Amino acid sequence: MSNDIAYPVFRTSDPVLALRIARRLMEFGRCEYSKVSGFAELPSVAAVRRMAKAMTEGQFCGASTWEEVEGVPLEDLPALVAGVPASGLPTEAAAFEGRLPVEWEAWNLPIGSIEDGLTAAIGANVGSINWHWLRWPDAPEVGFRGEDKHAEVSILLNAHTRELDVPTDDHTVFVHVRDANPSREPYAHWIAAQVGLTLIGPGQCS
């Protein structure tokens, strides 16, 4: 079993620019089975409504307590707790009482299906875009073989750390490689350099 480590390679206050740069890096490793996933944390009903207009894919899940979900079958949970698509969200604002923040998440979708909508709708909320199942090529000049298990590119929207626990007002692009000893940081640097980028900070483990 192995984990990935993500190295920041670009940071900007412009989410559209962050997406453009991330796509350039993603295309370097893209292959026939590559996919994209996304996540957003939405602290208000207005933020949920805005995201729902932009995102027909994925599920919205409201906050819950351990007591109300412990041992309860999925089909017996409140719909917003179990997860609903945009079309299944409550129409009344009162239905969100005790359910904020709402999380939106989508997994393993075709590349190009969610990125623009999520970037446009995220506003000041935290979120992420992750392109996975990429394939990094061999880099014999720096002594590394290619990989695909941990070949990923991601954007943290309004956050600097993968935990998304400290909101910021900018967006960071990351390149992911396998976390190994000896360090594969030179390999991450080589990958970034192939599209004119460079590492701008230490790696973050998953």
N, C-alpha and C. Protein backbone atom coordinates (compact mmCIF):
# COMPACT_ATOMS: atom_id res chain seq x y z
N MET A 1 0.85 -1.19 0.00
CA MET A 1 0.00 0.00 0.00
C MET A 1 0.88 1.24 0.00
N SER A 2 0.48 2.24 -0.76
CA SER A 2 1.25 3.49 -0.82
C SER A 2 0.29 4.66 -0.86
N ASN A 3 0.84 5.83 -0.52
CA ASN A 3 0.05 7.06 -0.51
C ASN A 3 0.67 8.05 -1.47
N ASP A 4 -0.09 9.12 -1.71
CA ASP A 4 0.44 10.16 -2.58
C ASP A 4 0.93 11.34 -1.76
N ILE A 5 1.72 12.18 -2.40
CA ILE A 5 2.13 13.45 -1.82
C ILE A 5 1.92 14.51 -2.90
N ALA A 6 1.35 15.64 -2.51
CA ALA A 6 0.97 16.69 -3.45
C ALA A 6 1.87 17.91 -3.25
N TYR A 7 2.46 18.37 -4.34
CA TYR A 7 3.36 19.54 -4.30
C TYR A 7 2.69 20.73 -4.98
N PRO A 8 2.62 21.88 -4.29
CA PRO A 8 2.03 23.06 -4.92
C PRO A 8 2.94 23.60 -6.03
N VAL A 9 2.32 23.97 -7.14
CA VAL A 9 3.11 24.47 -8.28
C VAL A 9 2.62 25.82 -8.80
N PHE A 10 1.47 26.28 -8.30
CA PHE A 10 0.94 27.56 -8.80
C PHE A 10 -0.12 28.05 -7.84
N ARG A 11 -0.17 29.38 -7.63
CA ARG A 11 -1.18 29.98 -6.75
C ARG A 11 -1.63 31.31 -7.33
N THR A 12 -2.94 31.55 -7.29
CA THR A 12 -3.50 32.78 -7.86
C THR A 12 -4.82 33.10 -7.20
N SER A 13 -5.22 34.36 -7.24
CA SER A 13 -6.54 34.76 -6.75
C SER A 13 -7.61 34.59 -7.81
N ASP A 14 -7.22 34.22 -9.03
CA ASP A 14 -8.15 34.07 -10.15
C ASP A 14 -8.47 32.59 -10.36
N PRO A 15 -9.69 32.13 -10.03
CA PRO A 15 -9.99 30.71 -10.19
C PRO A 15 -9.97 30.23 -11.62
N VAL A 16 -10.30 31.10 -12.55
CA VAL A 16 -10.27 30.72 -13.97
C VAL A 16 -8.84 30.47 -14.42
N LEU A 17 -7.91 31.31 -13.97
CA LEU A 17 -6.50 31.11 -14.30
C LEU A 17 -5.99 29.84 -13.64
N ALA A 18 -6.37 29.59 -12.39
CA ALA A 18 -5.94 28.35 -11.72
C ALA A 18 -6.41 27.13 -12.50
N LEU A 19 -7.64 27.17 -12.99
CA LEU A 19 -8.16 26.06 -13.78
C LEU A 19 -7.38 25.89 -15.08
N ARG A 20 -7.07 26.98 -15.73
CA ARG A 20 -6.32 26.91 -16.99
C ARG A 20 -4.94 26.29 -16.77
N ILE A 21 -4.26 26.70 -15.71
CA ILE A 21 -2.93 26.17 -15.43
C ILE A 21 -3.02 24.69 -15.05
N ALA A 22 -4.00 24.35 -14.22
CA ALA A 22 -4.16 22.95 -13.81
C ALA A 22 -4.46 22.06 -15.00
N ARG A 23 -5.27 22.54 -15.92
CA ARG A 23 -5.58 21.75 -17.11
C ARG A 23 -4.33 21.50 -17.96
N ARG A 24 -3.47 22.48 -18.03
CA ARG A 24 -2.23 22.30 -18.79
C ARG A 24 -1.40 21.18 -18.20
N LEU A 25 -1.31 21.14 -16.89
CA LEU A 25 -0.57 20.09 -16.22
C LEU A 25 -1.28 18.75 -16.35
N MET A 26 -2.61 18.77 -16.19
CA MET A 26 -3.39 17.54 -16.32
C MET A 26 -3.25 16.92 -17.70
N GLU A 27 -3.27 17.73 -18.74
CA GLU A 27 -3.18 17.22 -20.11
C GLU A 27 -1.84 16.53 -20.36
N PHE A 28 -0.81 16.92 -19.62
CA PHE A 28 0.49 16.26 -19.77
C PHE A 28 0.42 14.80 -19.35
N GLY A 29 -0.46 14.49 -18.39
CA GLY A 29 -0.57 13.12 -17.91
C GLY A 29 -1.86 12.42 -18.29
N ARG A 30 -2.70 13.09 -19.03
CA ARG A 30 -4.03 12.52 -19.34
C ARG A 30 -3.90 11.26 -20.20
N CYS A 31 -4.75 10.28 -19.90
CA CYS A 31 -4.81 9.07 -20.73
C CYS A 31 -6.27 8.67 -20.89
N GLU A 32 -6.50 7.53 -21.53
CA GLU A 32 -7.86 7.18 -21.94
C GLU A 32 -8.81 6.93 -20.77
N TYR A 33 -8.29 6.60 -19.59
CA TYR A 33 -9.18 6.30 -18.47
C TYR A 33 -9.14 7.37 -17.38
N SER A 34 -8.55 8.52 -17.64
CA SER A 34 -8.50 9.59 -16.65
C SER A 34 -9.90 10.12 -16.32
N LYS A 35 -10.09 10.51 -15.06
CA LYS A 35 -11.38 11.01 -14.58
C LYS A 35 -11.18 12.27 -13.73
N VAL A 36 -12.29 12.91 -13.39
CA VAL A 36 -12.25 14.09 -12.53
C VAL A 36 -13.29 13.94 -11.43
N SER A 37 -12.96 14.44 -10.23
CA SER A 37 -13.88 14.49 -9.11
C SER A 37 -13.86 15.90 -8.53
N GLY A 38 -14.91 16.26 -7.80
CA GLY A 38 -14.98 17.60 -7.23
C GLY A 38 -15.66 17.61 -5.88
N PHE A 39 -15.39 18.67 -5.13
CA PHE A 39 -15.95 18.81 -3.78
C PHE A 39 -16.13 20.29 -3.47
N ALA A 40 -17.18 20.63 -2.72
CA ALA A 40 -17.37 21.99 -2.22
C ALA A 40 -18.09 21.93 -0.89
N GLU A 41 -17.72 22.84 0.01
CA GLU A 41 -18.41 23.00 1.29
C GLU A 41 -19.20 24.29 1.24
N LEU A 42 -20.51 24.19 1.45
CA LEU A 42 -21.42 25.31 1.21
C LEU A 42 -22.08 25.71 2.53
N PRO A 43 -21.71 26.88 3.08
CA PRO A 43 -22.15 27.24 4.43
C PRO A 43 -23.51 27.92 4.52
N SER A 44 -24.13 28.21 3.38
CA SER A 44 -25.41 28.93 3.41
C SER A 44 -26.36 28.36 2.36
N VAL A 45 -27.63 28.63 2.55
CA VAL A 45 -28.63 28.19 1.57
C VAL A 45 -28.37 28.85 0.23
N ALA A 46 -27.99 30.12 0.25
CA ALA A 46 -27.70 30.82 -1.00
C ALA A 46 -26.57 30.15 -1.76
N ALA A 47 -25.52 29.72 -1.04
CA ALA A 47 -24.40 29.04 -1.68
C ALA A 47 -24.84 27.69 -2.26
N VAL A 48 -25.69 26.99 -1.55
CA VAL A 48 -26.22 25.71 -2.06
C VAL A 48 -27.01 25.96 -3.34
N ARG A 49 -27.89 26.96 -3.33
CA ARG A 49 -28.71 27.26 -4.50
C ARG A 49 -27.84 27.62 -5.71
N ARG A 50 -26.80 28.41 -5.46
CA ARG A 50 -25.92 28.80 -6.56
C ARG A 50 -25.21 27.58 -7.14
N MET A 51 -24.72 26.70 -6.28
CA MET A 51 -24.05 25.50 -6.75
C MET A 51 -25.01 24.58 -7.50
N ALA A 52 -26.24 24.47 -7.01
CA ALA A 52 -27.22 23.59 -7.63
C ALA A 52 -27.55 24.04 -9.05
N LYS A 53 -27.57 25.35 -9.28
CA LYS A 53 -27.84 25.85 -10.62
C LYS A 53 -26.72 25.49 -11.59
N ALA A 54 -25.50 25.44 -11.07
CA ALA A 54 -24.34 25.18 -11.92
C ALA A 54 -24.05 23.70 -12.10
N MET A 55 -24.41 22.88 -11.11
CA MET A 55 -23.96 21.50 -11.08
C MET A 55 -25.13 20.53 -11.07
N THR A 56 -25.42 19.92 -12.21
CA THR A 56 -26.44 18.88 -12.25
C THR A 56 -25.85 17.53 -11.87
N GLU A 57 -24.54 17.41 -11.91
CA GLU A 57 -23.87 16.18 -11.49
C GLU A 57 -23.63 16.20 -9.99
N GLY A 58 -23.42 15.04 -9.41
CA GLY A 58 -23.00 14.95 -8.03
C GLY A 58 -24.16 14.95 -7.04
N GLN A 59 -23.79 14.93 -5.75
CA GLN A 59 -24.74 14.82 -4.65
C GLN A 59 -24.50 15.92 -3.63
N PHE A 60 -25.58 16.38 -3.03
CA PHE A 60 -25.54 17.34 -1.94
C PHE A 60 -25.90 16.61 -0.65
N CYS A 61 -25.04 16.73 0.36
CA CYS A 61 -25.25 16.05 1.64
C CYS A 61 -25.20 17.08 2.77
N GLY A 62 -26.27 17.13 3.58
CA GLY A 62 -26.32 18.06 4.69
C GLY A 62 -25.65 17.51 5.93
N ALA A 63 -25.34 18.40 6.84
CA ALA A 63 -24.71 18.02 8.10
C ALA A 63 -25.67 17.17 8.92
N SER A 64 -25.10 16.33 9.79
CA SER A 64 -25.91 15.48 10.65
C SER A 64 -25.14 15.21 11.93
N THR A 65 -25.83 14.69 12.92
CA THR A 65 -25.18 14.30 14.17
C THR A 65 -24.96 12.79 14.17
N TRP A 66 -23.99 12.37 14.96
CA TRP A 66 -23.71 10.93 15.06
C TRP A 66 -24.94 10.17 15.56
N GLU A 67 -25.66 10.76 16.50
CA GLU A 67 -26.81 10.09 17.10
C GLU A 67 -27.91 9.80 16.08
N GLU A 68 -28.11 10.71 15.13
CA GLU A 68 -29.22 10.50 14.19
C GLU A 68 -28.88 9.57 13.04
N VAL A 69 -27.60 9.25 12.85
CA VAL A 69 -27.24 8.35 11.76
C VAL A 69 -26.72 7.00 12.26
N GLU A 70 -26.35 6.92 13.53
CA GLU A 70 -25.80 5.69 14.09
C GLU A 70 -26.78 4.53 13.93
N GLY A 71 -26.39 3.52 13.17
CA GLY A 71 -27.19 2.31 13.02
C GLY A 71 -28.43 2.46 12.17
N VAL A 72 -28.63 3.61 11.54
CA VAL A 72 -29.84 3.84 10.73
C VAL A 72 -29.55 3.45 9.29
N PRO A 73 -30.37 2.59 8.69
CA PRO A 73 -30.17 2.24 7.28
C PRO A 73 -30.21 3.48 6.39
N LEU A 74 -29.44 3.46 5.32
CA LEU A 74 -29.35 4.62 4.42
C LEU A 74 -30.73 5.06 3.94
N GLU A 75 -31.60 4.09 3.64
CA GLU A 75 -32.91 4.44 3.10
C GLU A 75 -33.83 5.11 4.13
N ASP A 76 -33.46 5.03 5.40
CA ASP A 76 -34.28 5.64 6.45
C ASP A 76 -33.75 7.00 6.90
N LEU A 77 -32.63 7.42 6.38
CA LEU A 77 -32.09 8.72 6.74
C LEU A 77 -32.86 9.83 6.04
N PRO A 78 -32.89 11.04 6.62
CA PRO A 78 -33.46 12.18 5.89
C PRO A 78 -32.76 12.33 4.54
N ALA A 79 -33.53 12.68 3.52
CA ALA A 79 -32.98 12.70 2.16
C ALA A 79 -31.74 13.57 2.05
N LEU A 80 -31.76 14.72 2.67
CA LEU A 80 -30.61 15.63 2.55
C LEU A 80 -29.38 15.08 3.25
N VAL A 81 -29.56 14.25 4.26
CA VAL A 81 -28.44 13.62 4.94
C VAL A 81 -27.89 12.47 4.10
N ALA A 82 -28.77 11.68 3.52
CA ALA A 82 -28.34 10.55 2.69
C ALA A 82 -27.65 11.03 1.41
N GLY A 83 -28.04 12.20 0.92
CA GLY A 83 -27.47 12.73 -0.30
C GLY A 83 -28.49 12.80 -1.41
N VAL A 84 -28.61 13.97 -2.03
CA VAL A 84 -29.56 14.17 -3.11
C VAL A 84 -28.89 14.91 -4.26
N PRO A 85 -29.37 14.70 -5.50
CA PRO A 85 -28.88 15.51 -6.60
C PRO A 85 -29.46 16.91 -6.50
N ALA A 86 -29.01 17.80 -7.36
CA ALA A 86 -29.50 19.17 -7.34
C ALA A 86 -31.02 19.22 -7.45
N SER A 87 -31.59 18.35 -8.28
CA SER A 87 -33.05 18.34 -8.48
C SER A 87 -33.81 17.88 -7.25
N GLY A 88 -33.15 17.24 -6.29
CA GLY A 88 -33.80 16.74 -5.10
C GLY A 88 -33.66 17.63 -3.89
N LEU A 89 -33.01 18.77 -4.02
CA LEU A 89 -32.84 19.67 -2.88
C LEU A 89 -34.17 20.25 -2.42
N PRO A 90 -34.34 20.46 -1.12
CA PRO A 90 -35.58 21.06 -0.62
C PRO A 90 -35.79 22.45 -1.20
N THR A 91 -37.04 22.80 -1.40
CA THR A 91 -37.34 24.14 -1.92
C THR A 91 -37.49 25.16 -0.80
N GLU A 92 -37.79 24.69 0.41
CA GLU A 92 -37.97 25.60 1.54
C GLU A 92 -36.66 25.78 2.30
N ALA A 93 -36.33 27.03 2.61
CA ALA A 93 -35.10 27.32 3.34
C ALA A 93 -35.11 26.67 4.72
N ALA A 94 -36.28 26.51 5.31
CA ALA A 94 -36.37 25.93 6.65
C ALA A 94 -35.86 24.50 6.69
N ALA A 95 -35.90 23.81 5.55
CA ALA A 95 -35.45 22.42 5.50
C ALA A 95 -33.94 22.30 5.72
N PHE A 96 -33.22 23.40 5.61
CA PHE A 96 -31.77 23.38 5.78
C PHE A 96 -31.34 23.68 7.22
N GLU A 97 -32.31 23.94 8.10
CA GLU A 97 -31.96 24.22 9.49
C GLU A 97 -31.30 22.99 10.11
N GLY A 98 -30.12 23.19 10.68
CA GLY A 98 -29.36 22.09 11.26
C GLY A 98 -28.62 21.25 10.25
N ARG A 99 -28.70 21.60 8.97
CA ARG A 99 -28.05 20.82 7.91
C ARG A 99 -26.89 21.55 7.24
N LEU A 100 -26.57 22.74 7.71
CA LEU A 100 -25.45 23.48 7.14
C LEU A 100 -24.19 23.25 7.96
N PRO A 101 -23.01 23.20 7.35
CA PRO A 101 -22.82 23.35 5.90
C PRO A 101 -23.25 22.11 5.12
N VAL A 102 -23.66 22.33 3.90
CA VAL A 102 -23.96 21.25 2.97
C VAL A 102 -22.71 20.99 2.13
N GLU A 103 -22.39 19.72 1.93
CA GLU A 103 -21.26 19.37 1.07
C GLU A 103 -21.77 18.86 -0.28
N TRP A 104 -21.16 19.35 -1.32
CA TRP A 104 -21.42 18.83 -2.67
C TRP A 104 -20.21 18.02 -3.11
N GLU A 105 -20.46 16.85 -3.69
CA GLU A 105 -19.35 16.02 -4.14
C GLU A 105 -19.77 15.23 -5.38
N ALA A 106 -18.83 15.06 -6.27
CA ALA A 106 -19.03 14.25 -7.48
C ALA A 106 -17.76 13.44 -7.71
N TRP A 107 -17.91 12.21 -8.19
CA TRP A 107 -16.77 11.31 -8.28
C TRP A 107 -16.65 10.70 -9.69
N ASN A 108 -15.42 10.55 -10.13
CA ASN A 108 -15.08 9.72 -11.30
C ASN A 108 -15.92 10.06 -12.54
N LEU A 109 -15.96 11.34 -12.85
CA LEU A 109 -16.72 11.80 -14.01
C LEU A 109 -15.79 12.06 -15.19
N PRO A 110 -16.35 12.14 -16.40
CA PRO A 110 -15.51 12.46 -17.56
C PRO A 110 -14.85 13.83 -17.41
N ILE A 111 -13.62 13.91 -17.83
CA ILE A 111 -12.91 15.18 -17.77
C ILE A 111 -13.66 16.21 -18.61
N GLY A 112 -13.81 17.40 -18.06
CA GLY A 112 -14.53 18.47 -18.73
C GLY A 112 -15.98 18.59 -18.31
N SER A 113 -16.46 17.69 -17.46
CA SER A 113 -17.89 17.68 -17.12
C SER A 113 -18.27 18.62 -15.98
N ILE A 114 -17.35 18.91 -15.07
CA ILE A 114 -17.71 19.70 -13.88
C ILE A 114 -16.80 20.88 -13.61
N GLU A 115 -15.64 20.93 -14.23
CA GLU A 115 -14.61 21.88 -13.81
C GLU A 115 -15.03 23.33 -13.97
N ASP A 116 -15.58 23.69 -15.13
CA ASP A 116 -15.96 25.08 -15.35
C ASP A 116 -17.10 25.50 -14.45
N GLY A 117 -18.10 24.63 -14.31
CA GLY A 117 -19.24 24.96 -13.46
C GLY A 117 -18.85 25.14 -12.01
N LEU A 118 -18.01 24.25 -11.49
CA LEU A 118 -17.59 24.34 -10.10
C LEU A 118 -16.76 25.59 -9.87
N THR A 119 -15.84 25.88 -10.77
CA THR A 119 -14.99 27.06 -10.63
C THR A 119 -15.82 28.34 -10.64
N ALA A 120 -16.85 28.39 -11.49
CA ALA A 120 -17.69 29.58 -11.58
C ALA A 120 -18.59 29.74 -10.36
N ALA A 121 -19.02 28.62 -9.76
CA ALA A 121 -20.00 28.69 -8.69
C ALA A 121 -19.39 28.72 -7.29
N ILE A 122 -18.10 28.46 -7.15
CA ILE A 122 -17.50 28.27 -5.83
C ILE A 122 -17.53 29.54 -4.99
N GLY A 123 -17.42 30.72 -5.61
CA GLY A 123 -17.42 31.96 -4.85
C GLY A 123 -16.31 31.98 -3.82
N ALA A 124 -16.64 32.34 -2.58
CA ALA A 124 -15.65 32.39 -1.50
C ALA A 124 -15.60 31.10 -0.70
N ASN A 125 -16.31 30.08 -1.14
CA ASN A 125 -16.38 28.82 -0.41
C ASN A 125 -15.18 27.93 -0.73
N VAL A 126 -14.87 27.00 0.17
CA VAL A 126 -13.74 26.11 -0.07
C VAL A 126 -14.21 24.91 -0.90
N GLY A 127 -13.28 24.39 -1.70
CA GLY A 127 -13.59 23.22 -2.52
C GLY A 127 -12.34 22.70 -3.18
N SER A 128 -12.53 21.71 -4.04
CA SER A 128 -11.39 21.12 -4.72
C SER A 128 -11.83 20.48 -6.02
N ILE A 129 -10.90 20.40 -6.94
CA ILE A 129 -11.04 19.64 -8.18
C ILE A 129 -9.85 18.71 -8.25
N ASN A 130 -10.09 17.44 -8.55
CA ASN A 130 -9.01 16.45 -8.60
C ASN A 130 -9.13 15.61 -9.87
N TRP A 131 -8.07 15.66 -10.68
CA TRP A 131 -7.99 14.80 -11.86
C TRP A 131 -7.13 13.60 -11.50
N HIS A 132 -7.65 12.42 -11.65
CA HIS A 132 -6.93 11.23 -11.22
C HIS A 132 -6.90 10.20 -12.34
N TRP A 133 -6.19 9.09 -12.05
CA TRP A 133 -5.95 8.06 -13.05
C TRP A 133 -5.24 8.67 -14.28
N LEU A 134 -4.31 9.58 -13.98
CA LEU A 134 -3.43 10.10 -15.03
C LEU A 134 -2.27 9.14 -15.18
N ARG A 135 -1.31 9.48 -16.03
CA ARG A 135 -0.12 8.65 -16.20
C ARG A 135 1.09 9.57 -16.43
N TRP A 136 2.01 9.58 -15.45
CA TRP A 136 3.24 10.37 -15.60
C TRP A 136 4.27 9.52 -16.35
N PRO A 137 4.98 10.12 -17.29
CA PRO A 137 5.94 9.34 -18.09
C PRO A 137 7.25 9.09 -17.36
N ASP A 138 8.07 8.22 -17.94
CA ASP A 138 9.42 8.01 -17.42
C ASP A 138 10.22 9.31 -17.49
N ALA A 139 11.11 9.49 -16.53
CA ALA A 139 12.02 10.64 -16.53
C ALA A 139 13.42 10.12 -16.26
N PRO A 140 14.02 9.42 -17.24
CA PRO A 140 15.33 8.80 -17.01
C PRO A 140 16.43 9.80 -16.68
N GLU A 141 16.28 11.04 -17.16
CA GLU A 141 17.32 12.03 -16.90
C GLU A 141 17.41 12.42 -15.43
N VAL A 142 16.34 12.17 -14.65
CA VAL A 142 16.40 12.42 -13.21
C VAL A 142 16.24 11.12 -12.43
N GLY A 143 16.26 9.99 -13.14
CA GLY A 143 16.33 8.69 -12.48
C GLY A 143 15.00 8.14 -11.97
N PHE A 144 13.90 8.51 -12.62
CA PHE A 144 12.60 8.03 -12.15
C PHE A 144 11.83 7.34 -13.28
N ARG A 145 11.19 6.23 -12.92
CA ARG A 145 10.26 5.57 -13.82
C ARG A 145 8.89 6.23 -13.69
N GLY A 146 8.09 6.12 -14.74
CA GLY A 146 6.76 6.71 -14.72
C GLY A 146 5.85 6.01 -13.73
N GLU A 147 4.67 6.60 -13.52
CA GLU A 147 3.71 6.01 -12.60
C GLU A 147 2.31 6.46 -12.99
N ASP A 148 1.33 5.66 -12.54
CA ASP A 148 -0.05 6.07 -12.76
C ASP A 148 -0.91 5.95 -11.49
N LYS A 149 -0.52 5.13 -10.54
CA LYS A 149 -1.35 4.95 -9.35
C LYS A 149 -1.58 6.25 -8.61
N HIS A 150 -0.55 7.06 -8.48
CA HIS A 150 -0.67 8.32 -7.75
C HIS A 150 -0.44 9.53 -8.66
N ALA A 151 -0.65 9.36 -9.95
CA ALA A 151 -0.50 10.46 -10.90
C ALA A 151 -1.79 11.28 -10.89
N GLU A 152 -1.75 12.43 -10.25
CA GLU A 152 -2.93 13.27 -10.11
C GLU A 152 -2.55 14.75 -10.21
N VAL A 153 -3.55 15.56 -10.52
CA VAL A 153 -3.45 17.02 -10.47
C VAL A 153 -4.66 17.51 -9.72
N SER A 154 -4.49 18.51 -8.87
CA SER A 154 -5.64 19.04 -8.14
C SER A 154 -5.54 20.55 -7.99
N ILE A 155 -6.72 21.15 -7.75
CA ILE A 155 -6.81 22.55 -7.35
C ILE A 155 -7.51 22.60 -6.00
N LEU A 156 -6.93 23.30 -5.06
CA LEU A 156 -7.63 23.64 -3.84
C LEU A 156 -8.21 25.04 -4.01
N LEU A 157 -9.51 25.15 -3.95
CA LEU A 157 -10.20 26.41 -4.15
C LEU A 157 -10.40 27.10 -2.81
N ASN A 158 -9.84 28.29 -2.70
CA ASN A 158 -9.92 29.07 -1.45
C ASN A 158 -9.33 28.33 -0.26
N ALA A 159 -8.25 27.60 -0.52
CA ALA A 159 -7.56 26.87 0.56
C ALA A 159 -6.13 26.58 0.12
N HIS A 160 -5.25 26.40 1.12
CA HIS A 160 -3.86 26.05 0.86
C HIS A 160 -3.53 24.63 1.26
N THR A 161 -4.35 24.02 2.12
CA THR A 161 -4.04 22.69 2.62
C THR A 161 -5.13 21.70 2.24
N ARG A 162 -4.74 20.45 2.12
CA ARG A 162 -5.66 19.43 1.63
C ARG A 162 -6.82 19.17 2.58
N GLU A 163 -6.70 19.56 3.83
CA GLU A 163 -7.80 19.41 4.78
C GLU A 163 -8.90 20.45 4.57
N LEU A 164 -8.61 21.48 3.79
CA LEU A 164 -9.57 22.56 3.50
C LEU A 164 -10.08 23.20 4.78
N ASP A 165 -9.23 23.23 5.81
CA ASP A 165 -9.68 23.67 7.12
C ASP A 165 -9.42 25.15 7.39
N VAL A 166 -8.61 25.80 6.56
CA VAL A 166 -8.34 27.23 6.75
C VAL A 166 -8.65 27.95 5.44
N PRO A 167 -9.81 28.62 5.34
CA PRO A 167 -10.15 29.30 4.09
C PRO A 167 -9.15 30.41 3.76
N THR A 168 -8.91 30.58 2.47
CA THR A 168 -8.05 31.65 1.98
C THR A 168 -8.81 32.38 0.88
N ASP A 169 -8.15 33.37 0.28
CA ASP A 169 -8.79 34.07 -0.83
C ASP A 169 -8.06 33.79 -2.14
N ASP A 170 -7.37 32.64 -2.21
CA ASP A 170 -6.71 32.28 -3.46
C ASP A 170 -6.79 30.77 -3.67
N HIS A 171 -6.22 30.30 -4.76
CA HIS A 171 -6.41 28.93 -5.23
C HIS A 171 -5.06 28.35 -5.61
N THR A 172 -4.82 27.09 -5.24
CA THR A 172 -3.52 26.48 -5.42
C THR A 172 -3.62 25.22 -6.25
N VAL A 173 -2.72 25.11 -7.23
CA VAL A 173 -2.63 23.93 -8.10
C VAL A 173 -1.53 23.02 -7.57
N PHE A 174 -1.81 21.71 -7.55
CA PHE A 174 -0.87 20.71 -7.04
C PHE A 174 -0.61 19.63 -8.08
N VAL A 175 0.62 19.12 -8.08
CA VAL A 175 0.95 17.91 -8.81
C VAL A 175 1.19 16.81 -7.77
N HIS A 176 0.65 15.61 -8.01
CA HIS A 176 0.75 14.50 -7.07
C HIS A 176 1.65 13.40 -7.63
N VAL A 177 2.47 12.84 -6.75
CA VAL A 177 3.27 11.66 -7.06
C VAL A 177 3.21 10.72 -5.86
N ARG A 178 3.80 9.56 -6.00
CA ARG A 178 3.83 8.60 -4.90
C ARG A 178 4.73 9.11 -3.78
N ASP A 179 4.23 8.98 -2.55
CA ASP A 179 5.02 9.33 -1.37
C ASP A 179 5.96 8.17 -1.08
N ALA A 180 7.26 8.38 -1.19
CA ALA A 180 8.21 7.28 -1.09
C ALA A 180 9.49 7.76 -0.44
N ASN A 181 10.28 6.78 -0.02
CA ASN A 181 11.61 7.04 0.51
C ASN A 181 12.61 6.22 -0.32
N PRO A 182 13.53 6.84 -1.06
CA PRO A 182 13.83 8.27 -1.05
C PRO A 182 12.74 9.12 -1.70
N SER A 183 12.77 10.39 -1.39
CA SER A 183 11.75 11.32 -1.84
C SER A 183 11.66 11.37 -3.36
N ARG A 184 10.43 11.47 -3.85
CA ARG A 184 10.21 11.66 -5.28
C ARG A 184 9.95 13.13 -5.62
N GLU A 185 10.36 14.03 -4.72
CA GLU A 185 10.21 15.45 -5.00
C GLU A 185 10.89 15.87 -6.31
N PRO A 186 12.11 15.35 -6.61
CA PRO A 186 12.71 15.73 -7.92
C PRO A 186 11.84 15.31 -9.11
N TYR A 187 11.12 14.21 -8.97
CA TYR A 187 10.24 13.76 -10.04
C TYR A 187 9.06 14.74 -10.19
N ALA A 188 8.48 15.17 -9.06
CA ALA A 188 7.40 16.15 -9.11
C ALA A 188 7.89 17.45 -9.75
N HIS A 189 9.10 17.84 -9.41
CA HIS A 189 9.68 19.05 -10.01
C HIS A 189 9.84 18.86 -11.51
N TRP A 190 10.29 17.70 -11.93
CA TRP A 190 10.48 17.42 -13.37
C TRP A 190 9.14 17.47 -14.09
N ILE A 191 8.10 16.87 -13.52
CA ILE A 191 6.77 16.88 -14.16
C ILE A 191 6.29 18.32 -14.32
N ALA A 192 6.39 19.12 -13.25
CA ALA A 192 5.94 20.50 -13.32
C ALA A 192 6.71 21.28 -14.38
N ALA A 193 8.00 21.03 -14.47
CA ALA A 193 8.84 21.76 -15.41
C ALA A 193 8.48 21.48 -16.86
N GLN A 194 7.87 20.33 -17.13
CA GLN A 194 7.52 19.99 -18.51
C GLN A 194 6.45 20.92 -19.07
N VAL A 195 5.71 21.60 -18.19
CA VAL A 195 4.70 22.54 -18.65
C VAL A 195 5.00 23.96 -18.13
N GLY A 196 6.26 24.22 -17.80
CA GLY A 196 6.69 25.56 -17.44
C GLY A 196 6.37 25.95 -16.01
N LEU A 197 6.16 24.99 -15.12
CA LEU A 197 5.87 25.30 -13.72
C LEU A 197 7.02 24.84 -12.83
N THR A 198 6.96 25.23 -11.57
CA THR A 198 7.99 24.81 -10.61
C THR A 198 7.32 24.64 -9.24
N LEU A 199 7.94 23.88 -8.38
CA LEU A 199 7.40 23.70 -7.03
C LEU A 199 7.52 25.00 -6.26
N ILE A 200 6.45 25.35 -5.52
CA ILE A 200 6.45 26.60 -4.76
C ILE A 200 6.30 26.38 -3.26
N GLY A 201 6.36 25.13 -2.84
CA GLY A 201 6.23 24.85 -1.42
C GLY A 201 6.43 23.38 -1.14
N PRO A 202 6.42 23.00 0.13
CA PRO A 202 6.63 21.60 0.50
C PRO A 202 5.44 20.72 0.13
N GLY A 203 5.71 19.43 0.04
CA GLY A 203 4.65 18.48 -0.27
C GLY A 203 3.68 18.30 0.88
N GLN A 204 2.46 17.91 0.56
CA GLN A 204 1.43 17.63 1.54
C GLN A 204 0.98 16.18 1.36
N CYS A 205 1.08 15.40 2.42
CA CYS A 205 0.71 13.99 2.36
C CYS A 205 -0.80 13.83 2.43
N SER A 206 -1.29 12.72 1.91
CA SER A 206 -2.74 12.46 1.95
C SER A 206 -3.13 11.93 3.32
